[in-house]
Amino acid sequence: MSSESSDMSAADLGSSAAGMASIIMLSKVLSVAVLGVSFIFISRMLGSSVYGIYVLATAIIGLFDAIGNFGIGSAFNKFISQYKRNPEKVSAILSSGFLILISVGIALSLLTFIFSGPISYYALHTAEYNYIVKFIAIAILASMLFGASYPILIGIGDRREAAISVLTEALVQGVLSVGLIVLGFGVLGPIIGLIAGYLSSFFVTIFFLKLKMVYKLVIPSKADLRQIFHFSLPIAVSNIFNTLAGNLSTVVLGILTTTIVLGNFGIASKINYIFDIILGSISLSLLSAFAIASSTKKNKSRLGVMYSYSLFIAVVFISPVIFYMALFSTPLVNLLFGFTYKVAPLYISLISIGVLINFSASLASTMLMSINKVKQIMKNNIIISIIEIAIMPFAIYKLGGEGLIILLFLVAPVVNNFLFLRSAHRYIKFNINIWKISRVVISALVSAGMAFAVLQFLQFGSLFRVIAGIVIIAFVYPLFITVFRGAEDQDLENIKKFTKDIPVVRQFMSLIILYNESIIKRK
């Protein structure tokens, strides 16, 4: 890298990461809008019991996908960010990664296809659904290809192309899933839609790479395969244990409870996908920025500062969303999915709090990955998964879905924070301004609590409460974050820097900052 590119300030790196994160996040928000509409149709048309079968099917896909992921997407993102000025090296990385990924994916898909009968019998309580499991086998390979494809475009720095790839998956999946259910395919419809969406995004990514005319498939050398394998293997083991408990828990929940409970759990999990989008977009983009920062000693010294401030700014943005989801979960579920899903609102509220607790650990994991401490990430995730799997049967047996939610989204995040923050402190010096972040969280909680109390007292319908809650929080949150001194003048200036290259977000933040400044002047 040139001295100019390697000698970047934390603000420059943050702005670059924020720009990429915003584009990916915007594309995923649009994806959620598309999939959200289709999801509403799917859940309503299938009903809570049949929808529970679909939830279990996607959990099986996720379970095998976690085993076969091999961290190739993360490897593509990190190494392509570092070597993007060297097309030959990038071509070698792509060829090595896809050779490993496709080999493992085909093996797992064949294994699932062969054992479709027993999987159907034990997971779905009947062998007659073995045809569903056979389609799941195809979805496993498709999911792995999708998971590794758009991170390539992020690593190259192609924001628009990465966004198009993400949106393509959502559009194809959403339209095809609903269409096939209408045509009478039942629960098989959304599974076929899922496969088609994954593959369409993969082929769109390949198309964009072909347009560049600089990347090509080559015969990987042993050194290239070794580089990808050594970086990816600990991430693969980490991914297995990181997602094993979540996906396995759905299967165990299906065995120990009913498909109706699974349906409610599935609704809550889909709502949680909104938070996954935010966290995933931030983590993917920060991985590139952290990787650049850690490539030179001068920038590496800023890595801890960048982590701490990225955490603060992220909490400023996501905490009002989290408390809105936690307090307004009942009208949201009633409005979108009907009154069939009775306990889903409780699940959503608990999940929301867990996301906030886990956020610092999530960014710490990304920072560790950027400095190649993937074995440490693996060790931490193994410990967490062992704890979750050991407690899981007892939690589900005693408390059902509530026990599972408490375990995965309240107990696990606390352990996550302890392990990942302790690990990060070993390698990088950083200080988290706990009191300042606490003031931001209190501001968001008070804002959401005020909106909830006012609308609860007035007894309006679900639609009005959902919309009015957003409006009230958007109006009072800047007020409370100023009153409680969660964000001060310098923070507003830094937020301007972080969002200066982001379309739409730049204009929106200018209005918010203007509003905050007017409040400060009146104090």
Protein backbone atom coordinates (compact mmCIF):
# COMPACT_ATOMS: atom_id res chain seq x y z
CA MET A 1 0.00 0.00 0.00
CA SER A 2 1.13 3.56 -0.61
CA SER A 3 2.02 5.77 2.28
CA GLU A 4 -0.96 7.90 1.52
CA SER A 5 -3.40 5.04 1.85
CA SER A 6 -1.68 3.44 4.80
CA ASP A 7 -1.37 6.64 6.81
CA MET A 8 -5.06 7.19 7.40
CA SER A 9 -6.58 8.87 10.42
CA ALA A 10 -9.12 7.08 12.56
CA ALA A 11 -11.73 9.51 11.25
CA ASP A 12 -10.81 8.69 7.63
CA LEU A 13 -10.98 4.98 8.31
CA GLY A 14 -14.23 5.45 10.19
CA SER A 15 -15.69 7.50 7.36
CA SER A 16 -14.69 4.85 4.82
CA ALA A 17 -16.17 2.08 6.94
CA ALA A 18 -19.30 4.13 7.60
CA GLY A 19 -19.72 4.74 3.88
CA MET A 20 -19.50 1.06 3.04
CA ALA A 21 -21.61 0.08 6.06
CA SER A 22 -24.32 2.55 5.13
CA ILE A 23 -24.58 1.30 1.54
CA ILE A 24 -24.67 -2.34 2.61
CA MET A 25 -27.05 -1.52 5.46
CA LEU A 26 -29.31 0.46 3.13
CA SER A 27 -29.39 -2.41 0.65
CA LYS A 28 -30.16 -4.84 3.45
CA VAL A 29 -32.85 -2.56 4.85
CA LEU A 30 -34.44 -2.55 1.40
CA SER A 31 -33.99 -6.33 1.36
CA VAL A 32 -35.78 -6.57 4.68
CA ALA A 33 -38.58 -4.43 3.28
CA VAL A 34 -38.96 -6.83 0.34
CA LEU A 35 -38.53 -9.97 2.42
CA GLY A 36 -40.65 -8.46 5.19
CA VAL A 37 -43.64 -8.12 2.88
CA SER A 38 -43.16 -11.67 1.60
CA PHE A 39 -42.54 -12.88 5.16
CA ILE A 40 -45.89 -11.43 6.27
CA PHE A 41 -47.66 -13.23 3.43
CA ILE A 42 -45.77 -16.48 4.11
CA SER A 43 -46.48 -16.52 7.87
CA ARG A 44 -50.14 -15.62 7.37
CA MET A 45 -50.73 -18.10 4.51
CA LEU A 46 -48.93 -21.01 6.17
CA GLY A 47 -50.19 -20.42 9.72
CA SER A 48 -48.18 -20.87 12.93
CA SER A 49 -48.01 -24.69 12.74
CA VAL A 50 -46.91 -25.10 9.09
CA TYR A 51 -44.72 -22.02 9.38
CA GLY A 52 -42.97 -23.81 12.24
CA ILE A 53 -41.92 -26.52 9.76
CA TYR A 54 -40.36 -23.83 7.56
CA VAL A 55 -38.52 -22.37 10.58
CA LEU A 56 -37.12 -25.81 11.37
CA ALA A 57 -36.11 -26.30 7.73
CA THR A 58 -34.13 -23.04 7.65
CA ALA A 59 -32.49 -23.98 10.97
CA ILE A 60 -31.22 -27.21 9.40
CA ILE A 61 -29.85 -25.17 6.48
CA GLY A 62 -28.12 -22.84 8.94
CA LEU A 63 -26.74 -25.76 10.93
CA PHE A 64 -24.99 -27.36 7.94
CA ASP A 65 -24.07 -23.98 6.46
CA ALA A 66 -22.23 -23.15 9.69
CA ILE A 67 -20.31 -26.43 9.42
CA GLY A 68 -19.37 -25.76 5.79
CA ASN A 69 -18.87 -21.98 5.86
CA PHE A 70 -15.13 -22.30 6.48
CA GLY A 71 -14.90 -18.54 7.00
CA ILE A 72 -14.36 -18.03 3.27
CA GLY A 73 -16.48 -14.87 3.18
CA SER A 74 -14.41 -13.30 5.97
CA ALA A 75 -11.19 -14.39 4.25
CA PHE A 76 -12.32 -12.82 0.97
CA ASN A 77 -13.24 -9.58 2.72
CA LYS A 78 -9.98 -9.29 4.64
CA PHE A 79 -7.44 -10.42 2.03
CA ILE A 80 -9.07 -8.72 -0.95
CA SER A 81 -9.11 -5.45 1.04
CA GLN A 82 -5.36 -5.86 1.56
CA TYR A 83 -4.42 -7.04 -1.95
CA LYS A 84 -6.99 -5.31 -4.15
CA ARG A 85 -4.20 -3.46 -6.02
CA ASN A 86 -2.76 -6.84 -7.01
CA PRO A 87 -5.28 -8.56 -9.38
CA GLU A 88 -3.15 -11.71 -9.67
CA LYS A 89 -3.13 -12.19 -5.91
CA VAL A 90 -6.88 -11.52 -5.68
CA SER A 91 -7.50 -14.08 -8.44
CA ALA A 92 -5.48 -16.65 -6.49
CA ILE A 93 -7.43 -15.88 -3.31
CA LEU A 94 -10.77 -16.23 -5.11
CA SER A 95 -9.78 -19.50 -6.78
CA SER A 96 -8.45 -21.01 -3.56
CA GLY A 97 -11.46 -19.94 -1.53
CA PHE A 98 -14.07 -21.22 -3.96
CA LEU A 99 -12.24 -24.54 -4.40
CA ILE A 100 -12.41 -25.14 -0.65
CA LEU A 101 -15.97 -23.84 -0.32
CA ILE A 102 -17.51 -25.78 -3.20
CA SER A 103 -15.77 -29.03 -2.21
CA VAL A 104 -17.08 -28.86 1.34
CA GLY A 105 -20.51 -27.64 0.19
CA ILE A 106 -21.04 -30.52 -2.23
CA ALA A 107 -19.99 -33.02 0.45
CA LEU A 108 -22.43 -31.59 3.01
CA SER A 109 -25.28 -31.37 0.51
CA LEU A 110 -24.78 -35.01 -0.52
CA LEU A 111 -24.65 -36.08 3.12
CA THR A 112 -27.92 -34.28 3.89
CA PHE A 113 -29.58 -35.69 0.76
CA ILE A 114 -28.59 -39.27 1.63
CA PHE A 115 -29.84 -39.00 5.23
CA SER A 116 -32.99 -37.01 4.39
CA GLY A 117 -35.25 -39.74 5.79
CA PRO A 118 -33.79 -39.93 9.32
CA ILE A 119 -33.42 -36.13 9.50
CA SER A 120 -37.09 -35.70 8.56
CA TYR A 121 -38.21 -38.33 11.06
CA TYR A 122 -36.36 -36.97 14.08
CA ALA A 123 -36.52 -33.22 13.36
CA LEU A 124 -39.98 -32.96 11.75
CA HIS A 125 -41.58 -35.91 13.61
CA THR A 126 -42.45 -37.73 10.37
CA ALA A 127 -40.56 -39.32 7.47
CA GLU A 128 -43.07 -38.02 4.93
CA TYR A 129 -41.27 -34.66 4.82
CA ASN A 130 -38.04 -36.20 3.51
CA TYR A 131 -38.61 -34.44 0.16
CA ILE A 132 -38.35 -31.12 2.04
CA VAL A 133 -35.00 -32.18 3.50
CA LYS A 134 -33.75 -33.03 -0.03
CA PHE A 135 -34.45 -29.45 -1.10
CA ILE A 136 -32.72 -28.31 2.08
CA ALA A 137 -29.65 -30.24 0.89
CA ILE A 138 -29.55 -28.09 -2.26
CA ALA A 139 -30.08 -24.94 -0.19
CA ILE A 140 -26.99 -25.71 1.91
CA LEU A 141 -24.59 -25.33 -1.02
CA ALA A 142 -26.52 -22.33 -2.37
CA SER A 143 -26.35 -20.63 1.04
CA MET A 144 -22.59 -21.13 1.25
CA LEU A 145 -22.07 -19.63 -2.22
CA PHE A 146 -24.20 -16.60 -1.31
CA GLY A 147 -22.40 -16.09 2.01
CA ALA A 148 -19.03 -15.95 0.26
CA SER A 149 -20.03 -13.92 -2.80
CA TYR A 150 -21.03 -10.38 -1.82
CA PRO A 151 -18.14 -10.01 0.71
CA ILE A 152 -15.88 -10.15 -2.39
CA LEU A 153 -17.43 -6.93 -3.67
CA ILE A 154 -17.14 -5.35 -0.21
CA GLY A 155 -13.45 -6.26 -0.11
CA ILE A 156 -12.87 -4.72 -3.55
CA GLY A 157 -14.71 -1.58 -2.42
CA ASP A 158 -17.59 -1.82 -4.92
CA ARG A 159 -20.42 -0.45 -2.77
CA ARG A 160 -23.05 -0.22 -5.48
CA GLU A 161 -22.36 -3.69 -6.88
CA ALA A 162 -22.40 -5.25 -3.39
CA ALA A 163 -25.75 -3.58 -2.71
CA ILE A 164 -27.18 -4.88 -6.00
CA SER A 165 -26.02 -8.41 -5.15
CA VAL A 166 -27.73 -8.27 -1.74
CA LEU A 167 -30.94 -6.80 -3.19
CA THR A 168 -31.10 -9.40 -5.95
CA GLU A 169 -31.21 -12.19 -3.37
CA ALA A 170 -34.10 -10.54 -1.54
CA LEU A 171 -36.14 -9.74 -4.64
CA VAL A 172 -35.86 -13.20 -6.15
CA GLN A 173 -36.47 -14.96 -2.85
CA GLY A 174 -39.42 -12.77 -1.83
CA VAL A 175 -41.31 -12.80 -5.12
CA LEU A 176 -40.74 -16.48 -5.86
CA SER A 177 -41.58 -17.67 -2.32
CA VAL A 178 -44.98 -15.97 -2.25
CA GLY A 179 -45.73 -16.90 -5.86
CA LEU A 180 -45.04 -20.59 -5.25
CA ILE A 181 -47.23 -20.67 -2.13
CA VAL A 182 -50.07 -19.11 -4.12
CA LEU A 183 -49.55 -21.82 -6.77
CA GLY A 184 -49.97 -24.51 -4.10
CA PHE A 185 -46.39 -25.48 -3.26
CA GLY A 186 -47.01 -24.97 0.47
CA VAL A 187 -43.97 -24.98 2.75
CA LEU A 188 -41.77 -26.03 -0.20
CA GLY A 189 -42.41 -22.66 -1.91
CA PRO A 190 -40.28 -20.47 0.38
CA ILE A 191 -37.50 -23.09 0.43
CA ILE A 192 -37.29 -23.06 -3.38
CA GLY A 193 -37.42 -19.24 -3.23
CA LEU A 194 -34.53 -19.30 -0.78
CA ILE A 195 -32.40 -21.45 -3.10
CA ALA A 196 -33.18 -19.26 -6.12
CA GLY A 197 -32.38 -16.08 -4.18
CA TYR A 198 -29.01 -17.36 -2.98
CA LEU A 199 -27.96 -18.54 -6.45
CA SER A 200 -29.12 -15.36 -8.20
CA SER A 201 -26.98 -13.21 -5.88
CA PHE A 202 -23.98 -15.48 -6.46
CA PHE A 203 -24.30 -15.22 -10.25
CA VAL A 204 -24.74 -11.43 -10.07
CA THR A 205 -21.46 -11.22 -8.13
CA ILE A 206 -19.70 -13.39 -10.73
CA PHE A 207 -21.12 -11.13 -13.46
CA PHE A 208 -19.67 -7.99 -11.82
CA LEU A 209 -16.29 -9.68 -11.39
CA LYS A 210 -16.31 -10.66 -15.07
CA LEU A 211 -16.98 -7.04 -16.07
CA LYS A 212 -13.76 -5.93 -14.40
CA MET A 213 -11.74 -8.16 -16.75
CA VAL A 214 -8.88 -8.31 -14.22
CA TYR A 215 -9.90 -11.29 -12.09
CA LYS A 216 -9.89 -14.84 -13.39
CA LEU A 217 -9.95 -18.38 -12.07
CA VAL A 218 -6.49 -19.88 -11.79
CA ILE A 219 -5.09 -23.15 -10.52
CA PRO A 220 -4.40 -22.39 -6.84
CA SER A 221 -0.90 -22.94 -5.56
CA LYS A 222 -0.29 -24.80 -2.32
CA ALA A 223 0.79 -21.52 -0.73
CA ASP A 224 -2.47 -19.78 -1.68
CA LEU A 225 -4.57 -22.70 -0.45
CA ARG A 226 -2.56 -22.79 2.76
CA GLN A 227 -3.03 -19.04 3.34
CA ILE A 228 -6.81 -19.24 2.92
CA PHE A 229 -7.06 -22.51 4.85
CA HIS A 230 -4.97 -21.36 7.82
CA PHE A 231 -6.94 -18.13 8.15
CA SER A 232 -10.34 -19.72 7.48
CA LEU A 233 -10.12 -22.94 9.48
CA PRO A 234 -10.24 -21.30 12.93
CA ILE A 235 -13.10 -19.11 11.67
CA ALA A 236 -14.83 -22.23 10.36
CA VAL A 237 -14.58 -23.92 13.75
CA SER A 238 -15.63 -20.64 15.35
CA ASN A 239 -18.63 -20.32 13.02
CA ILE A 240 -19.65 -23.90 13.73
CA PHE A 241 -19.72 -23.29 17.46
CA ASN A 242 -20.99 -19.71 17.15
CA THR A 243 -24.08 -20.71 15.15
CA LEU A 244 -24.36 -24.33 16.26
CA ALA A 245 -26.24 -23.52 19.43
CA GLY A 246 -28.66 -21.16 17.66
CA ASN A 247 -29.55 -23.56 14.85
CA LEU A 248 -29.38 -26.68 16.99
CA SER A 249 -31.65 -25.01 19.54
CA THR A 250 -34.39 -24.69 16.93
CA VAL A 251 -34.12 -28.40 16.15
CA VAL A 252 -34.18 -29.28 19.88
CA LEU A 253 -37.12 -26.90 20.37
CA GLY A 254 -38.95 -28.74 17.58
CA ILE A 255 -38.28 -32.10 19.22
CA LEU A 256 -39.28 -31.06 22.76
CA THR A 257 -42.18 -28.70 21.95
CA THR A 258 -44.69 -28.13 19.14
CA THR A 259 -44.56 -26.48 15.72
CA ILE A 260 -46.78 -23.70 17.14
CA VAL A 261 -44.03 -22.78 19.63
CA LEU A 262 -41.57 -22.99 16.73
CA GLY A 263 -43.75 -20.62 14.73
CA ASN A 264 -43.66 -18.00 17.50
CA PHE A 265 -39.92 -18.48 17.88
CA GLY A 266 -39.55 -18.10 14.12
CA ILE A 267 -41.43 -14.78 14.13
CA ALA A 268 -39.12 -13.44 16.85
CA SER A 269 -36.05 -14.71 15.00
CA LYS A 270 -37.13 -12.97 11.80
CA ILE A 271 -37.63 -9.69 13.67
CA ASN A 272 -34.17 -10.21 15.15
CA TYR A 273 -32.89 -10.30 11.56
CA ILE A 274 -33.21 -6.50 11.53
CA PHE A 275 -30.55 -6.33 14.23
CA ASP A 276 -28.43 -8.91 12.41
CA ILE A 277 -28.47 -6.62 9.38
CA ILE A 278 -27.24 -3.66 11.41
CA LEU A 279 -24.56 -5.66 13.24
CA GLY A 280 -23.51 -7.58 10.13
CA SER A 281 -23.20 -4.46 7.98
CA ILE A 282 -21.16 -2.64 10.60
CA SER A 283 -18.91 -5.65 11.27
CA LEU A 284 -18.28 -6.40 7.58
CA SER A 285 -17.36 -2.81 6.85
CA LEU A 286 -15.27 -2.34 9.98
CA LEU A 287 -13.35 -5.52 9.17
CA SER A 288 -12.02 -3.85 6.02
CA ALA A 289 -11.22 -0.63 7.90
CA PHE A 290 -9.65 -2.50 10.85
CA ALA A 291 -7.58 -4.59 8.40
CA ILE A 292 -6.22 -1.43 6.77
CA ALA A 293 -5.55 0.13 10.18
CA SER A 294 -3.66 -2.95 11.42
CA SER A 295 -1.47 -3.14 8.29
CA THR A 296 0.99 -0.48 9.55
CA LYS A 297 2.33 0.31 13.00
CA LYS A 298 1.23 3.94 12.83
CA ASN A 299 -2.37 3.08 12.01
CA LYS A 300 -2.41 0.07 14.34
CA SER A 301 -1.93 2.41 17.28
CA ARG A 302 -5.24 4.03 16.33
CA LEU A 303 -7.11 0.72 16.19
CA GLY A 304 -8.19 0.80 19.84
CA VAL A 305 -9.41 4.39 19.51
CA MET A 306 -11.30 3.50 16.38
CA TYR A 307 -12.95 0.51 18.09
CA SER A 308 -14.02 2.54 21.12
CA TYR A 309 -15.48 5.38 19.09
CA SER A 310 -17.13 3.06 16.56
CA LEU A 311 -18.85 1.35 19.48
CA PHE A 312 -20.05 4.68 20.88
CA ILE A 313 -21.42 5.94 17.55
CA ALA A 314 -23.07 2.59 16.83
CA VAL A 315 -24.83 2.67 20.21
CA VAL A 316 -26.04 6.21 19.48
CA PHE A 317 -27.73 4.94 16.33
CA ILE A 318 -29.04 1.52 17.36
CA SER A 319 -30.15 1.98 20.99
CA PRO A 320 -33.42 3.82 20.16
CA VAL A 321 -34.23 1.11 17.61
CA ILE A 322 -33.58 -1.60 20.20
CA PHE A 323 -35.83 -0.06 22.85
CA TYR A 324 -38.52 0.69 20.28
CA MET A 325 -38.57 -2.98 19.26
CA ALA A 326 -38.54 -4.11 22.90
CA LEU A 327 -41.48 -1.93 24.01
CA PHE A 328 -43.57 -1.93 20.83
CA SER A 329 -43.24 -5.63 20.01
CA THR A 330 -46.91 -6.44 20.73
CA PRO A 331 -48.50 -3.90 18.34
CA LEU A 332 -45.83 -4.76 15.73
CA VAL A 333 -46.60 -8.50 15.83
CA ASN A 334 -50.38 -7.94 15.93
CA LEU A 335 -50.23 -5.54 13.00
CA LEU A 336 -47.90 -7.55 10.78
CA PHE A 337 -48.70 -11.17 11.58
CA GLY A 338 -52.09 -11.18 13.26
CA PHE A 339 -53.09 -12.32 16.73
CA THR A 340 -52.09 -15.99 16.26
CA TYR A 341 -48.54 -15.53 17.54
CA LYS A 342 -49.27 -14.96 21.23
CA VAL A 343 -45.81 -15.21 22.81
CA ALA A 344 -43.69 -13.81 19.96
CA PRO A 345 -43.80 -10.24 21.43
CA LEU A 346 -42.18 -11.45 24.67
CA TYR A 347 -39.48 -13.25 22.69
CA ILE A 348 -38.79 -10.11 20.64
CA SER A 349 -38.46 -7.92 23.76
CA LEU A 350 -35.91 -10.28 25.33
CA ILE A 351 -33.96 -10.61 22.07
CA SER A 352 -33.76 -6.82 21.72
CA ILE A 353 -32.13 -6.39 25.12
CA GLY A 354 -29.71 -9.21 24.34
CA VAL A 355 -28.60 -7.52 21.12
CA LEU A 356 -27.63 -4.38 23.04
CA ILE A 357 -25.68 -6.40 25.61
CA ASN A 358 -23.81 -8.31 22.90
CA PHE A 359 -22.84 -5.36 20.71
CA SER A 360 -19.45 -4.56 22.25
CA ALA A 361 -18.42 -8.23 22.04
CA SER A 362 -19.44 -8.38 18.38
CA LEU A 363 -17.19 -5.44 17.43
CA ALA A 364 -14.36 -6.80 19.60
CA SER A 365 -14.56 -10.07 17.64
CA THR A 366 -14.27 -8.11 14.38
CA MET A 367 -11.22 -6.26 15.70
CA LEU A 368 -9.55 -9.54 16.71
CA MET A 369 -10.20 -10.94 13.23
CA SER A 370 -8.56 -7.90 11.63
CA ILE A 371 -5.30 -8.63 13.46
CA ASN A 372 -5.46 -12.35 12.59
CA LYS A 373 -6.33 -13.53 16.11
CA VAL A 374 -8.81 -15.99 14.64
CA LYS A 375 -7.75 -18.82 16.96
CA GLN A 376 -8.70 -16.69 19.94
CA ILE A 377 -12.12 -16.07 18.39
CA MET A 378 -12.46 -19.82 17.87
CA LYS A 379 -11.60 -20.59 21.50
CA ASN A 380 -14.11 -18.05 22.80
CA ASN A 381 -16.92 -19.34 20.60
CA ILE A 382 -16.22 -22.94 21.59
CA ILE A 383 -16.52 -22.03 25.27
CA ILE A 384 -19.77 -20.12 24.70
CA SER A 385 -21.29 -22.91 22.61
CA ILE A 386 -20.40 -25.60 25.13
CA ILE A 387 -22.16 -23.57 27.84
CA GLU A 388 -25.22 -23.02 25.62
CA ILE A 389 -25.50 -26.64 24.48
CA ALA A 390 -25.03 -27.95 28.03
CA ILE A 391 -27.82 -25.75 29.44
CA MET A 392 -30.13 -25.84 26.39
CA PRO A 393 -32.12 -29.08 26.97
CA PHE A 394 -32.81 -28.15 30.60
CA ALA A 395 -33.81 -24.57 29.69
CA ILE A 396 -36.21 -25.73 26.95
CA TYR A 397 -37.62 -28.58 29.05
CA LYS A 398 -38.34 -26.28 32.02
CA LEU A 399 -39.30 -23.00 30.31
CA GLY A 400 -39.92 -23.90 26.66
CA GLY A 401 -39.31 -21.10 24.17
CA GLU A 402 -38.80 -18.52 26.93
CA GLY A 403 -35.96 -20.59 28.39
CA LEU A 404 -34.25 -20.81 25.02
CA ILE A 405 -34.54 -17.05 24.43
CA ILE A 406 -33.14 -16.26 27.89
CA LEU A 407 -30.21 -18.62 27.30
CA LEU A 408 -29.29 -17.44 23.80
CA PHE A 409 -30.01 -13.73 24.10
CA LEU A 410 -29.40 -12.83 27.75
CA VAL A 411 -27.01 -15.37 29.31
CA ALA A 412 -24.81 -15.90 26.22
CA PRO A 413 -24.23 -12.16 25.52
CA VAL A 414 -22.96 -11.62 29.07
CA VAL A 415 -20.46 -14.48 28.63
CA ASN A 416 -19.61 -13.11 25.16
CA ASN A 417 -18.67 -9.72 26.57
CA PHE A 418 -16.50 -11.19 29.29
CA LEU A 419 -14.55 -13.42 26.89
CA PHE A 420 -14.16 -11.13 23.87
CA LEU A 421 -13.38 -7.90 25.71
CA ARG A 422 -10.82 -9.70 27.85
CA SER A 423 -9.25 -11.22 24.71
CA ALA A 424 -9.19 -7.90 22.84
CA HIS A 425 -7.46 -6.17 25.77
CA ARG A 426 -4.56 -8.61 25.47
CA TYR A 427 -3.64 -7.35 22.00
CA ILE A 428 -5.05 -3.83 21.63
CA LYS A 429 -5.13 -0.93 24.07
CA PHE A 430 -8.58 0.64 24.25
CA ASN A 431 -10.89 2.21 26.79
CA ILE A 432 -14.67 2.08 26.55
CA ASN A 433 -16.34 5.18 27.94
CA ILE A 434 -18.95 3.21 29.89
CA TRP A 435 -20.54 6.24 31.54
CA LYS A 436 -20.97 8.08 28.26
CA ILE A 437 -22.46 5.03 26.55
CA SER A 438 -24.71 4.51 29.57
CA ARG A 439 -26.05 8.05 29.16
CA VAL A 440 -26.85 7.30 25.52
CA VAL A 441 -28.65 4.09 26.50
CA ILE A 442 -30.62 5.89 29.23
CA SER A 443 -31.60 8.58 26.71
CA ALA A 444 -32.93 5.93 24.33
CA LEU A 445 -34.73 4.04 27.10
CA VAL A 446 -36.42 7.17 28.45
CA SER A 447 -37.44 8.21 24.92
CA ALA A 448 -38.96 4.82 24.08
CA GLY A 449 -40.51 4.54 27.54
CA MET A 450 -42.19 7.93 27.20
CA ALA A 451 -43.60 7.03 23.79
CA PHE A 452 -44.87 3.69 25.08
CA ALA A 453 -46.49 5.20 28.19
CA VAL A 454 -48.29 7.95 26.26
CA LEU A 455 -49.65 5.61 23.60
CA GLN A 456 -50.55 2.90 26.13
CA PHE A 457 -52.57 5.43 28.12
CA LEU A 458 -54.41 6.68 25.02
CA GLN A 459 -55.32 3.12 23.95
CA PHE A 460 -54.89 3.58 20.19
CA GLY A 461 -54.86 0.71 17.69
CA SER A 462 -51.74 -1.17 16.58
CA LEU A 463 -51.12 0.77 13.36
CA PHE A 464 -51.27 4.18 15.06
CA ARG A 465 -49.09 3.02 17.97
CA VAL A 466 -46.41 1.60 15.65
CA ILE A 467 -46.17 4.80 13.58
CA ALA A 468 -46.64 7.26 16.45
CA GLY A 469 -44.00 5.45 18.51
CA ILE A 470 -41.40 6.05 15.79
CA VAL A 471 -42.38 9.73 15.47
CA ILE A 472 -42.29 10.42 19.22
CA ILE A 473 -38.92 8.69 19.72
CA ALA A 474 -37.40 10.50 16.72
CA PHE A 475 -38.51 13.82 18.24
CA VAL A 476 -37.56 13.31 21.92
CA TYR A 477 -34.41 11.17 21.58
CA PRO A 478 -32.17 14.06 20.39
CA LEU A 479 -33.59 16.11 23.27
CA PHE A 480 -32.79 13.51 25.94
CA ILE A 481 -29.37 12.62 24.52
CA THR A 482 -28.50 16.32 24.87
CA VAL A 483 -30.04 16.69 28.35
CA PHE A 484 -28.24 13.58 29.64
CA ARG A 485 -25.02 14.65 27.85
CA GLY A 486 -24.80 11.44 25.87
CA ALA A 487 -23.50 13.29 22.80
CA GLU A 488 -21.69 16.62 23.04
CA ASP A 489 -20.42 19.17 20.49
CA GLN A 490 -17.28 17.20 19.59
CA ASP A 491 -19.31 14.02 19.16
CA LEU A 492 -21.64 15.78 16.74
CA GLU A 493 -18.64 16.97 14.73
CA ASN A 494 -17.20 13.45 14.63
CA ILE A 495 -20.55 12.00 13.55
CA LYS A 496 -20.52 14.55 10.71
CA LYS A 497 -17.10 13.25 9.65
CA PHE A 498 -18.20 9.62 9.86
CA THR A 499 -21.28 10.27 7.70
CA LYS A 500 -19.94 12.94 5.33
CA ASP A 501 -19.67 10.59 2.33
CA ILE A 502 -22.95 8.77 2.89
CA PRO A 503 -25.87 9.79 0.65
CA VAL A 504 -29.24 10.34 2.39
CA VAL A 505 -27.70 9.56 5.80
CA ARG A 506 -25.58 12.73 5.49
CA GLN A 507 -28.66 14.91 4.97
CA PHE A 508 -30.62 13.10 7.68
CA MET A 509 -27.80 13.49 10.22
CA SER A 510 -27.46 17.18 9.32
CA LEU A 511 -31.09 17.70 10.35
CA ILE A 512 -30.62 15.75 13.58
CA ILE A 513 -27.42 17.65 14.44
CA LEU A 514 -29.11 20.96 13.65
CA TYR A 515 -31.95 19.99 15.98
CA ASN A 516 -29.46 19.02 18.72
CA GLU A 517 -27.53 22.27 18.33
CA SER A 518 -30.73 24.29 18.67
CA ILE A 519 -31.50 22.43 21.91
CA ILE A 520 -27.98 23.11 23.22
CA LYS A 521 -28.35 26.83 22.51
CA ARG A 522 -31.61 26.98 24.48
CA LYS A 523 -30.08 25.34 27.54
